[in-house]
Structure formats: structure tokens, C-alpha cells
Amino acid sequence: MKLLDIMDSLLASLYMLTGDPIWNYYIGTFLLALGTVLIGEFTVSVVFRINRSHLAKLDRRLSEMKTLSQKALEAGDENSYRACNKEANEAFGRSFFNKFGLSAASLWPCFFALAWMQRHFLGASIPIPLVGLEVSYFPTFVVAYIAARIFFGKIKHRLPYFRQIPKLAYEQTSPEEAENVPAPPTKAPH
């Protein structure tokens, strides 16, 4: 049996948990969305671990240039201020786009999930309970993804692997940033 067939049957089994097709669809879509959130967050954590020193270097450069431009401004040295400020802006841009790319890494599983859903639910009208409207698979997945992301945010600190990520992010922050960032909890709340 091919890997794609195995994955297809595994994902299809998410949609067969109850005897009701509407409940099956909504529960299955939520579980699929939750799976994409988990895979995406795991991807972000791996990329973060790999790039942690690079991101820290970018943040240090930004902090240094910000401090130097502020000192030049206070000293009244406009040329130095402009040069340092230009470097600070470039450092900010690099840091911003690296972090933006890091956060975008969490979305790649959604495209595979939506491709799978398209194969199975294209043309299907999904009734929205209590409203009397019908929609396609895409809006229901988006709503399920948002709900799964909120749910994951609430339970993340209880999951052994994801519990340590805030600590790594905190350790990466510069001293100036650390003043404004609360230290991660040393023990997960119960």
C-alpha cells in the first residue's frame, strides 16, 4: 500500500467517528485542523531551534544600532545618527522578515489539508447548524483552524515538547527586550 493511500485512509477515518454525517464532518475537520496546527507548530519550533543563534545575532545587531543611534542623537552628531539609524532600520528589516518567515512556517500543513479536503469535499454543500445556510469545505476549515489554534494555545503549556519553547525564546531575547518580556513559568500550571 502506498504512503498516500495510508495517509488518505488515516485522514478519512477522522470523518467516521460518529453515526451522524454532519457531526462526522465537523469533528473530522476540527481534528484535521488541529493536526495542521500541531505539525505547523512543530515545524516552527524546529526551524526556531536551528536558526536561534542567527535570530539572536540579528536582534543583538538591532539593539546595538538602536543604542548607537540614540547616543549619536543625544550627542548631537546628526551624521552618525543617520548612519546608525539606517543600519538599525536594515537590522530591523532582516529581523522582521526572518521572524515573519518563521511564523509563516506554521501554515504549510494547511495547504496539504485543504488539498485533501478538496479531493473529498469539492462540490459538497456543508450545512451550518442553526443558521440554515450551506457553505463549501473551505470556510468550515478556516473556522475549524482558528478554533484549533485557540484550543492549542490553551493546552500548549501542558504538552511536554511545546512547554519548553517559551523558555528557549526567552533565553534568546536581548537584555533590553528581556526587561519587557515576562520570564516563562518555571512550572506548568495545573
Foldseek 3Di string as FASTA:
>chain_A
DDPVVVVLVVLVVCLVPDPDNLVSLLSSLLVLLLVLQVVLVVQLLVVCVVCLVVLLVLQVQLVVLVVQLVVCVVVVPVVSNVVSVVSNVVSVVVNVVVVVVSNCSSCVSVVVSVVSCCVVFPPNWRADPPPRHTDGPVVSSVVSNVVSNVVCVVCQCVDVVSVCSQQSVLVSHDPVVNVVDDHRDPDRDD
